[in-house]
Amino acid sequence: MHLPIPLLSLFLAITPPLQASPAPANPQIPSPQHILVDSDALPTEFESTGFRIPTRNESTVLARRLLAKSRAGVLSTIFPKNITSPYVPAAVANTPIGLPDYIASCEEPTGNPTLLALTISTSTRNAVAGSNVSLAISWWDEYVKLTHAEPWSAANLPRASLIGYLEEMTKEEVEKAGVVKCFTGLHGDSRWWLPGDKSAAHAGVWMRMVVEQVYWIGGFGDRAFIGWFDPEVWRGVRTEEWKAVRLPGEKD
């Protein structure tokens, strides 16, 4: 799907699905009020009661919490076939590049992340040149921040790839969603790049990523859901739903 954008025309496409590595053993995952709980101890055998793999819909709610709690993601683009810039090596033509980018979930409960797209950035330039784009988010760094410890296996922590397209937000939409306050609340330094600020270090525009597909890896496949979500379910998750669940390492 390709929609016109006032300043930028960006379209995002599917990244190849990731394959989960097999677990060395089965760590205990109880089934309390929250769907997913911490399992940072060394793996042990499942107990005979209480365990079940979260369903596709339950995993969708967990993924929406992951998005809401994520401060950054990896934005992947592809260099154009014909590189004309003297600052980009010709050898990287048609080569993908993934770069971390600030994100925020400023338009809850839509499930569409907000980005500050700088015209100087490689990702933005590639996208404007016609590149497909995907956004990967994970719980790996947040887990360490919350627990102050390394997980027994980072591969057993949730991550997702969001597929869709970017569209520029209107001034009215930015004001209605309180995007500036929301985004700078997470990223204080972004005040130096605010769109429309004549003193900004770089020019940019507020963009939303309209999520059309989500690929989820909740952890190891014998204890977590791995696969594609129903887009309608993704968009239909209410804020109170993802606020009621917990990701590994989170406490009430």
C-alpha atoms as a PDB file:
ATOM      1  CA  MET A   1       0.000   0.000   0.000  1.00  0.00           C
ATOM      2  CA  HIS A   2       1.448   3.397  -0.946  1.00  0.00           C
ATOM      3  CA  LEU A   3      -0.113   6.615   0.241  1.00  0.00           C
ATOM      4  CA  PRO A   4       0.868  10.175  -0.755  1.00  0.00           C
ATOM      5  CA  ILE A   5       2.714  12.184   1.893  1.00  0.00           C
ATOM      6  CA  PRO A   6       2.970  15.987   1.741  1.00  0.00           C
ATOM      7  CA  LEU A   7       6.733  16.118   2.245  1.00  0.00           C
ATOM      8  CA  LEU A   8       7.901  12.551   2.068  1.00  0.00           C
ATOM      9  CA  SER A   9       6.606   9.416   0.331  1.00  0.00           C
ATOM     10  CA  LEU A  10       7.705   6.442   2.326  1.00  0.00           C
ATOM     11  CA  PHE A  11       6.668   2.814   2.094  1.00  0.00           C
ATOM     12  CA  LEU A  12       7.717   0.050   4.461  1.00  0.00           C
ATOM     13  CA  ALA A  13       7.975  -3.631   3.571  1.00  0.00           C
ATOM     14  CA  ILE A  14       8.386  -7.021   5.185  1.00  0.00           C
ATOM     15  CA  THR A  15      11.642  -8.114   6.755  1.00  0.00           C
ATOM     16  CA  PRO A  16      12.524 -11.828   6.485  1.00  0.00           C
ATOM     17  CA  PRO A  17      11.029 -13.789   9.435  1.00  0.00           C
ATOM     18  CA  LEU A  18      13.416 -14.658  12.232  1.00  0.00           C
ATOM     19  CA  GLN A  19      13.781 -18.206  13.490  1.00  0.00           C
ATOM     20  CA  ALA A  20      13.883 -18.817  17.226  1.00  0.00           C
ATOM     21  CA  SER A  21      16.794 -20.824  18.569  1.00  0.00           C
ATOM     22  CA  PRO A  22      15.934 -24.007  20.474  1.00  0.00           C
ATOM     23  CA  ALA A  23      16.014 -23.769  24.238  1.00  0.00           C
ATOM     24  CA  PRO A  24      18.811 -25.568  26.076  1.00  0.00           C
ATOM     25  CA  ALA A  25      16.217 -26.571  28.678  1.00  0.00           C
ATOM     26  CA  ASN A  26      12.778 -25.505  29.859  1.00  0.00           C
ATOM     27  CA  PRO A  27      12.644 -22.681  32.433  1.00  0.00           C
ATOM     28  CA  GLN A  28       9.621 -22.499  34.669  1.00  0.00           C
ATOM     29  CA  ILE A  29       6.957 -20.041  33.506  1.00  0.00           C
ATOM     30  CA  PRO A  30       4.017 -19.933  35.901  1.00  0.00           C
ATOM     31  CA  SER A  31       0.619 -18.628  34.874  1.00  0.00           C
ATOM     32  CA  PRO A  32      -0.451 -15.927  37.348  1.00  0.00           C
ATOM     33  CA  GLN A  33      -2.576 -12.857  36.711  1.00  0.00           C
ATOM     34  CA  HIS A  34      -0.078 -11.460  34.229  1.00  0.00           C
ATOM     35  CA  ILE A  35       0.501 -13.297  30.978  1.00  0.00           C
ATOM     36  CA  LEU A  36       4.296 -13.268  31.023  1.00  0.00           C
ATOM     37  CA  VAL A  37       6.567 -13.075  34.051  1.00  0.00           C
ATOM     38  CA  ASP A  38      10.253 -12.972  34.825  1.00  0.00           C
ATOM     39  CA  SER A  39      12.281 -16.138  34.272  1.00  0.00           C
ATOM     40  CA  ASP A  40      15.854 -14.964  34.708  1.00  0.00           C
ATOM     41  CA  ALA A  41      17.033 -17.945  36.764  1.00  0.00           C
ATOM     42  CA  LEU A  42      18.886 -20.836  35.200  1.00  0.00           C
ATOM     43  CA  PRO A  43      16.509 -23.071  33.254  1.00  0.00           C
ATOM     44  CA  THR A  44      14.640 -25.807  35.119  1.00  0.00           C
ATOM     45  CA  GLU A  45      11.976 -28.294  34.032  1.00  0.00           C
ATOM     46  CA  PHE A  46       8.373 -27.135  33.685  1.00  0.00           C
ATOM     47  CA  GLU A  47       6.219 -27.861  36.692  1.00  0.00           C
ATOM     48  CA  SER A  48       3.236 -30.079  36.017  1.00  0.00           C
ATOM     49  CA  THR A  49       0.685 -27.355  36.708  1.00  0.00           C
ATOM     50  CA  GLY A  50       0.051 -23.787  35.628  1.00  0.00           C
ATOM     51  CA  PHE A  51       2.054 -23.540  32.414  1.00  0.00           C
ATOM     52  CA  ARG A  52       0.664 -22.758  28.968  1.00  0.00           C
ATOM     53  CA  ILE A  53       2.051 -20.912  25.969  1.00  0.00           C
ATOM     54  CA  PRO A  54       0.425 -17.459  25.572  1.00  0.00           C
ATOM     55  CA  THR A  55      -2.102 -17.374  22.743  1.00  0.00           C
ATOM     56  CA  ARG A  56      -1.732 -15.295  19.611  1.00  0.00           C
ATOM     57  CA  ASN A  57      -4.101 -12.629  20.960  1.00  0.00           C
ATOM     58  CA  GLU A  58      -2.463 -12.580  24.398  1.00  0.00           C
ATOM     59  CA  SER A  59       0.905 -12.179  22.703  1.00  0.00           C
ATOM     60  CA  THR A  60      -0.489  -9.266  20.704  1.00  0.00           C
ATOM     61  CA  VAL A  61      -1.286  -7.478  23.960  1.00  0.00           C
ATOM     62  CA  LEU A  62       2.252  -8.155  25.194  1.00  0.00           C
ATOM     63  CA  ALA A  63       3.649  -6.743  21.954  1.00  0.00           C
ATOM     64  CA  ARG A  64       1.588  -3.594  22.356  1.00  0.00           C
ATOM     65  CA  ARG A  65       3.105  -3.171  25.805  1.00  0.00           C
ATOM     66  CA  LEU A  66       6.555  -3.681  24.280  1.00  0.00           C
ATOM     67  CA  LEU A  67       5.835  -0.890  21.796  1.00  0.00           C
ATOM     68  CA  ALA A  68       4.486   1.426  24.486  1.00  0.00           C
ATOM     69  CA  LYS A  69       7.558   0.843  26.658  1.00  0.00           C
ATOM     70  CA  SER A  70      10.106   1.088  23.833  1.00  0.00           C
ATOM     71  CA  ARG A  71      12.178   4.244  23.499  1.00  0.00           C
ATOM     72  CA  ALA A  72      14.086   3.226  20.371  1.00  0.00           C
ATOM     73  CA  GLY A  73      13.991   0.776  17.489  1.00  0.00           C
ATOM     74  CA  VAL A  74      16.128  -0.260  14.550  1.00  0.00           C
ATOM     75  CA  LEU A  75      14.918   1.357  11.348  1.00  0.00           C
ATOM     76  CA  SER A  76      16.087  -0.683   8.351  1.00  0.00           C
ATOM     77  CA  THR A  77      16.307   0.687   4.819  1.00  0.00           C
ATOM     78  CA  ILE A  78      18.083  -0.192   1.557  1.00  0.00           C
ATOM     79  CA  PHE A  79      20.487   2.072  -0.312  1.00  0.00           C
ATOM     80  CA  PRO A  80      19.222   2.968  -3.802  1.00  0.00           C
ATOM     81  CA  LYS A  81      20.389   1.129  -6.914  1.00  0.00           C
ATOM     82  CA  ASN A  82      21.995   4.219  -8.373  1.00  0.00           C
ATOM     83  CA  ILE A  83      23.888   6.174  -5.717  1.00  0.00           C
ATOM     84  CA  THR A  84      24.556   9.751  -6.755  1.00  0.00           C
ATOM     85  CA  SER A  85      25.819  11.172  -3.467  1.00  0.00           C
ATOM     86  CA  PRO A  86      29.611  11.653  -3.310  1.00  0.00           C
ATOM     87  CA  TYR A  87      29.400  10.900   0.417  1.00  0.00           C
ATOM     88  CA  VAL A  88      28.035   7.350  -0.005  1.00  0.00           C
ATOM     89  CA  PRO A  89      30.256   4.544  -1.390  1.00  0.00           C
ATOM     90  CA  ALA A  90      28.915   3.157  -4.660  1.00  0.00           C
ATOM     91  CA  ALA A  91      29.659  -0.337  -3.355  1.00  0.00           C
ATOM     92  CA  VAL A  92      26.738  -0.198  -0.893  1.00  0.00           C
ATOM     93  CA  ALA A  93      24.092   0.144  -3.632  1.00  0.00           C
ATOM     94  CA  ASN A  94      21.162  -2.232  -3.003  1.00  0.00           C
ATOM     95  CA  THR A  95      22.608  -3.032   0.436  1.00  0.00           C
ATOM     96  CA  PRO A  96      20.415  -2.901   3.561  1.00  0.00           C
ATOM     97  CA  ILE A  97      21.408  -0.841   6.575  1.00  0.00           C
ATOM     98  CA  GLY A  98      19.805  -0.848  10.022  1.00  0.00           C
ATOM     99  CA  LEU A  99      20.213   2.157  12.313  1.00  0.00           C
ATOM    100  CA  PRO A 100      18.779   2.863  15.784  1.00  0.00           C
ATOM    101  CA  ASP A 101      16.149   5.581  15.859  1.00  0.00           C
ATOM    102  CA  TYR A 102      14.104   7.310  18.537  1.00  0.00           C
ATOM    103  CA  ILE A 103      10.455   6.241  18.740  1.00  0.00           C
ATOM    104  CA  ALA A 104       7.532   6.945  21.056  1.00  0.00           C
ATOM    105  CA  SER A 105       3.959   5.700  21.257  1.00  0.00           C
ATOM    106  CA  CYS A 106       2.343   9.139  21.253  1.00  0.00           C
ATOM    107  CA  GLU A 107      -0.935   8.216  19.553  1.00  0.00           C
ATOM    108  CA  GLU A 108      -2.274   5.605  21.942  1.00  0.00           C
ATOM    109  CA  PRO A 109      -4.323   3.514  21.531  1.00  0.00           C
ATOM    110  CA  THR A 110      -3.658   3.290  17.766  1.00  0.00           C
ATOM    111  CA  GLY A 111      -0.577   1.059  17.981  1.00  0.00           C
ATOM    112  CA  ASN A 112       1.220   3.352  15.524  1.00  0.00           C
ATOM    113  CA  PRO A 113       4.636   4.570  16.740  1.00  0.00           C
ATOM    114  CA  THR A 114       5.746   8.182  16.325  1.00  0.00           C
ATOM    115  CA  LEU A 115       9.087   9.137  14.765  1.00  0.00           C
ATOM    116  CA  LEU A 116      10.956  12.393  14.290  1.00  0.00           C
ATOM    117  CA  ALA A 117      12.215  11.991  10.708  1.00  0.00           C
ATOM    118  CA  LEU A 118      15.278  14.134  10.063  1.00  0.00           C
ATOM    119  CA  THR A 119      15.947  14.938   6.416  1.00  0.00           C
ATOM    120  CA  ILE A 120      19.683  14.526   6.997  1.00  0.00           C
ATOM    121  CA  SER A 121      19.444  10.925   8.235  1.00  0.00           C
ATOM    122  CA  THR A 122      20.498   7.957   6.117  1.00  0.00           C
ATOM    123  CA  SER A 123      17.252   6.121   6.862  1.00  0.00           C
ATOM    124  CA  THR A 124      15.122   9.051   5.728  1.00  0.00           C
ATOM    125  CA  ARG A 125      17.186   9.615   2.581  1.00  0.00           C
ATOM    126  CA  ASN A 126      16.972   5.949   1.619  1.00  0.00           C
ATOM    127  CA  ALA A 127      13.227   5.903   2.225  1.00  0.00           C
ATOM    128  CA  VAL A 128      12.711   9.049   0.127  1.00  0.00           C
ATOM    129  CA  ALA A 129      14.712   7.358  -2.651  1.00  0.00           C
ATOM    130  CA  GLY A 130      12.151   4.525  -2.650  1.00  0.00           C
ATOM    131  CA  SER A 131      13.506   2.091  -0.093  1.00  0.00           C
ATOM    132  CA  ASN A 132      11.265  -0.268   1.821  1.00  0.00           C
ATOM    133  CA  VAL A 133      11.473   0.144   5.609  1.00  0.00           C
ATOM    134  CA  SER A 134      10.895  -1.972   8.711  1.00  0.00           C
ATOM    135  CA  LEU A 135      11.105  -1.198  12.430  1.00  0.00           C
ATOM    136  CA  ALA A 136      12.492  -3.742  14.912  1.00  0.00           C
ATOM    137  CA  ILE A 137      11.952  -3.390  18.668  1.00  0.00           C
ATOM    138  CA  SER A 138      13.120  -5.640  21.502  1.00  0.00           C
ATOM    139  CA  TRP A 139      13.042  -6.004  25.290  1.00  0.00           C
ATOM    140  CA  TRP A 140      16.727  -6.907  25.630  1.00  0.00           C
ATOM    141  CA  ASP A 141      18.092  -3.563  26.879  1.00  0.00           C
ATOM    142  CA  GLU A 142      15.065  -2.727  29.007  1.00  0.00           C
ATOM    143  CA  TYR A 143      15.313  -6.055  30.825  1.00  0.00           C
ATOM    144  CA  VAL A 144      18.866  -5.274  31.942  1.00  0.00           C
ATOM    145  CA  LYS A 145      17.860  -1.761  33.051  1.00  0.00           C
ATOM    146  CA  LEU A 146      14.963  -3.101  35.113  1.00  0.00           C
ATOM    147  CA  THR A 147      16.717  -6.035  36.740  1.00  0.00           C
ATOM    148  CA  HIS A 148      20.304  -4.739  36.838  1.00  0.00           C
ATOM    149  CA  ALA A 149      21.337  -8.201  35.676  1.00  0.00           C
ATOM    150  CA  GLU A 150      21.944 -10.045  32.452  1.00  0.00           C
ATOM    151  CA  PRO A 151      19.222 -12.573  31.481  1.00  0.00           C
ATOM    152  CA  TRP A 152      20.215 -16.232  31.392  1.00  0.00           C
ATOM    153  CA  SER A 153      19.361 -16.033  27.661  1.00  0.00           C
ATOM    154  CA  ALA A 154      18.577 -12.828  25.785  1.00  0.00           C
ATOM    155  CA  ALA A 155      17.194 -15.002  22.978  1.00  0.00           C
ATOM    156  CA  ASN A 156      14.320 -15.915  25.322  1.00  0.00           C
ATOM    157  CA  LEU A 157      13.182 -12.268  25.578  1.00  0.00           C
ATOM    158  CA  PRO A 158      10.456 -10.696  23.405  1.00  0.00           C
ATOM    159  CA  ARG A 159      11.084  -8.801  20.159  1.00  0.00           C
ATOM    160  CA  ALA A 160       9.034  -7.782  17.146  1.00  0.00           C
ATOM    161  CA  SER A 161       9.267  -6.397  13.633  1.00  0.00           C
ATOM    162  CA  LEU A 162       6.666  -3.800  12.647  1.00  0.00           C
ATOM    163  CA  ILE A 163       5.723  -3.538   8.982  1.00  0.00           C
ATOM    164  CA  GLY A 164       3.796  -0.690   7.406  1.00  0.00           C
ATOM    165  CA  TYR A 165       4.350   2.764   5.977  1.00  0.00           C
ATOM    166  CA  LEU A 166       5.154   6.249   7.192  1.00  0.00           C
ATOM    167  CA  GLU A 167       2.964   9.293   6.796  1.00  0.00           C
ATOM    168  CA  GLU A 168       3.519  12.862   7.830  1.00  0.00           C
ATOM    169  CA  MET A 169       1.388  14.130  10.692  1.00  0.00           C
ATOM    170  CA  THR A 170      -0.485  17.379  10.242  1.00  0.00           C
ATOM    171  CA  LYS A 171       0.040  20.271  12.623  1.00  0.00           C
ATOM    172  CA  GLU A 172      -3.444  19.657  14.051  1.00  0.00           C
ATOM    173  CA  GLU A 173      -2.705  15.963  14.651  1.00  0.00           C
ATOM    174  CA  VAL A 174       0.578  16.797  16.371  1.00  0.00           C
ATOM    175  CA  GLU A 175      -1.164  19.245  18.675  1.00  0.00           C
ATOM    176  CA  LYS A 176      -4.128  16.956  19.396  1.00  0.00           C
ATOM    177  CA  ALA A 177      -1.876  14.031  20.377  1.00  0.00           C
ATOM    178  CA  GLY A 178       0.515  16.224  22.369  1.00  0.00           C
ATOM    179  CA  VAL A 179       3.360  14.782  20.321  1.00  0.00           C
ATOM    180  CA  VAL A 180       5.991  17.353  21.300  1.00  0.00           C
ATOM    181  CA  LYS A 181       5.442  16.817  25.037  1.00  0.00           C
ATOM    182  CA  CYS A 182       5.189  13.051  24.598  1.00  0.00           C
ATOM    183  CA  PHE A 183       8.318  12.703  22.465  1.00  0.00           C
ATOM    184  CA  THR A 184      10.547  15.121  24.359  1.00  0.00           C
ATOM    185  CA  GLY A 185       9.423  13.523  27.606  1.00  0.00           C
ATOM    186  CA  LEU A 186      11.208  10.364  26.476  1.00  0.00           C
ATOM    187  CA  HIS A 187      13.976  12.032  24.489  1.00  0.00           C
ATOM    188  CA  GLY A 188      14.963  15.340  26.051  1.00  0.00           C
ATOM    189  CA  ASP A 189      17.678  16.009  23.490  1.00  0.00           C
ATOM    190  CA  SER A 190      15.128  15.887  20.668  1.00  0.00           C
ATOM    191  CA  ARG A 191      14.245  19.470  21.603  1.00  0.00           C
ATOM    192  CA  TRP A 192      17.206  20.476  19.455  1.00  0.00           C
ATOM    193  CA  TRP A 193      15.587  18.981  16.320  1.00  0.00           C
ATOM    194  CA  LEU A 194      11.922  19.895  16.682  1.00  0.00           C
ATOM    195  CA  PRO A 195      10.163  20.357  13.322  1.00  0.00           C
ATOM    196  CA  GLY A 196       9.302  23.966  12.558  1.00  0.00           C
ATOM    197  CA  ASP A 197      11.922  25.373  14.927  1.00  0.00           C
ATOM    198  CA  LYS A 198      14.055  27.794  12.900  1.00  0.00           C
ATOM    199  CA  SER A 199      16.933  27.318  15.333  1.00  0.00           C
ATOM    200  CA  ALA A 200      16.812  23.510  15.095  1.00  0.00           C
ATOM    201  CA  ALA A 201      20.097  21.753  14.359  1.00  0.00           C
ATOM    202  CA  HIS A 202      18.454  19.726  11.556  1.00  0.00           C
ATOM    203  CA  ALA A 203      15.229  19.937   9.562  1.00  0.00           C
ATOM    204  CA  GLY A 204      12.658  17.245  10.190  1.00  0.00           C
ATOM    205  CA  VAL A 205       8.976  16.313  10.231  1.00  0.00           C
ATOM    206  CA  TRP A 206       6.757  14.368  12.608  1.00  0.00           C
ATOM    207  CA  MET A 207       5.847  11.011  11.148  1.00  0.00           C
ATOM    208  CA  ARG A 208       3.631   8.149  12.250  1.00  0.00           C
ATOM    209  CA  MET A 209       4.280   4.574  11.244  1.00  0.00           C
ATOM    210  CA  VAL A 210       0.973   3.057  10.203  1.00  0.00           C
ATOM    211  CA  VAL A 211       1.433  -0.565  11.275  1.00  0.00           C
ATOM    212  CA  GLU A 212       0.013  -3.069   8.792  1.00  0.00           C
ATOM    213  CA  GLN A 213       1.722  -6.270   9.957  1.00  0.00           C
ATOM    214  CA  VAL A 214       3.652  -7.403  13.032  1.00  0.00           C
ATOM    215  CA  TYR A 215       5.954 -10.404  13.351  1.00  0.00           C
ATOM    216  CA  TRP A 216       6.506 -11.486  16.968  1.00  0.00           C
ATOM    217  CA  ILE A 217       9.046 -13.667  18.727  1.00  0.00           C
ATOM    218  CA  GLY A 218       7.942 -13.952  22.342  1.00  0.00           C
ATOM    219  CA  GLY A 219      10.927 -16.107  23.314  1.00  0.00           C
ATOM    220  CA  PHE A 220      11.783 -19.737  22.690  1.00  0.00           C
ATOM    221  CA  GLY A 221       9.173 -21.476  20.591  1.00  0.00           C
ATOM    222  CA  ASP A 222       8.359 -24.179  23.130  1.00  0.00           C
ATOM    223  CA  ARG A 223       7.142 -21.598  25.650  1.00  0.00           C
ATOM    224  CA  ALA A 224       6.124 -18.506  23.678  1.00  0.00           C
ATOM    225  CA  PHE A 225       4.118 -17.587  20.593  1.00  0.00           C
ATOM    226  CA  ILE A 226       6.132 -16.942  17.425  1.00  0.00           C
ATOM    227  CA  GLY A 227       4.453 -15.696  14.263  1.00  0.00           C
ATOM    228  CA  TRP A 228       2.306 -13.010  12.638  1.00  0.00           C
ATOM    229  CA  PHE A 229      -0.453 -11.139  14.451  1.00  0.00           C
ATOM    230  CA  ASP A 230      -3.932 -10.313  13.199  1.00  0.00           C
ATOM    231  CA  PRO A 231      -3.676  -6.614  12.181  1.00  0.00           C
ATOM    232  CA  GLU A 232      -7.213  -5.881  13.377  1.00  0.00           C
ATOM    233  CA  VAL A 233      -6.441  -7.325  16.808  1.00  0.00           C
ATOM    234  CA  TRP A 234      -3.255  -5.244  16.967  1.00  0.00           C
ATOM    235  CA  ARG A 235      -5.177  -2.053  16.258  1.00  0.00           C
ATOM    236  CA  GLY A 236      -7.969  -3.032  18.646  1.00  0.00           C
ATOM    237  CA  VAL A 237      -5.851  -3.488  21.791  1.00  0.00           C
ATOM    238  CA  ARG A 238      -6.965  -0.996  24.423  1.00  0.00           C
ATOM    239  CA  THR A 239      -4.519   0.912  26.595  1.00  0.00           C
ATOM    240  CA  GLU A 240      -5.890  -0.648  29.763  1.00  0.00           C
ATOM    241  CA  GLU A 241      -5.240  -4.114  28.311  1.00  0.00           C
ATOM    242  CA  TRP A 242      -1.505  -3.685  27.737  1.00  0.00           C
ATOM    243  CA  LYS A 243      -1.189  -1.850  31.039  1.00  0.00           C
ATOM    244  CA  ALA A 244      -2.545  -4.956  32.811  1.00  0.00           C
ATOM    245  CA  VAL A 245       0.204  -7.294  31.554  1.00  0.00           C
ATOM    246  CA  ARG A 246       3.911  -7.471  32.325  1.00  0.00           C
ATOM    247  CA  LEU A 247       7.020  -8.249  30.296  1.00  0.00           C
ATOM    248  CA  PRO A 248       9.980 -10.188  31.777  1.00  0.00           C
ATOM    249  CA  GLY A 249      11.667  -8.295  34.613  1.00  0.00           C
ATOM    250  CA  GLU A 250       8.755  -5.933  35.266  1.00  0.00           C
ATOM    251  CA  LYS A 251       7.275  -5.735  38.740  1.00  0.00           C
ATOM    252  CA  ASP A 252       3.926  -4.370  39.905  1.00  0.00           C
END
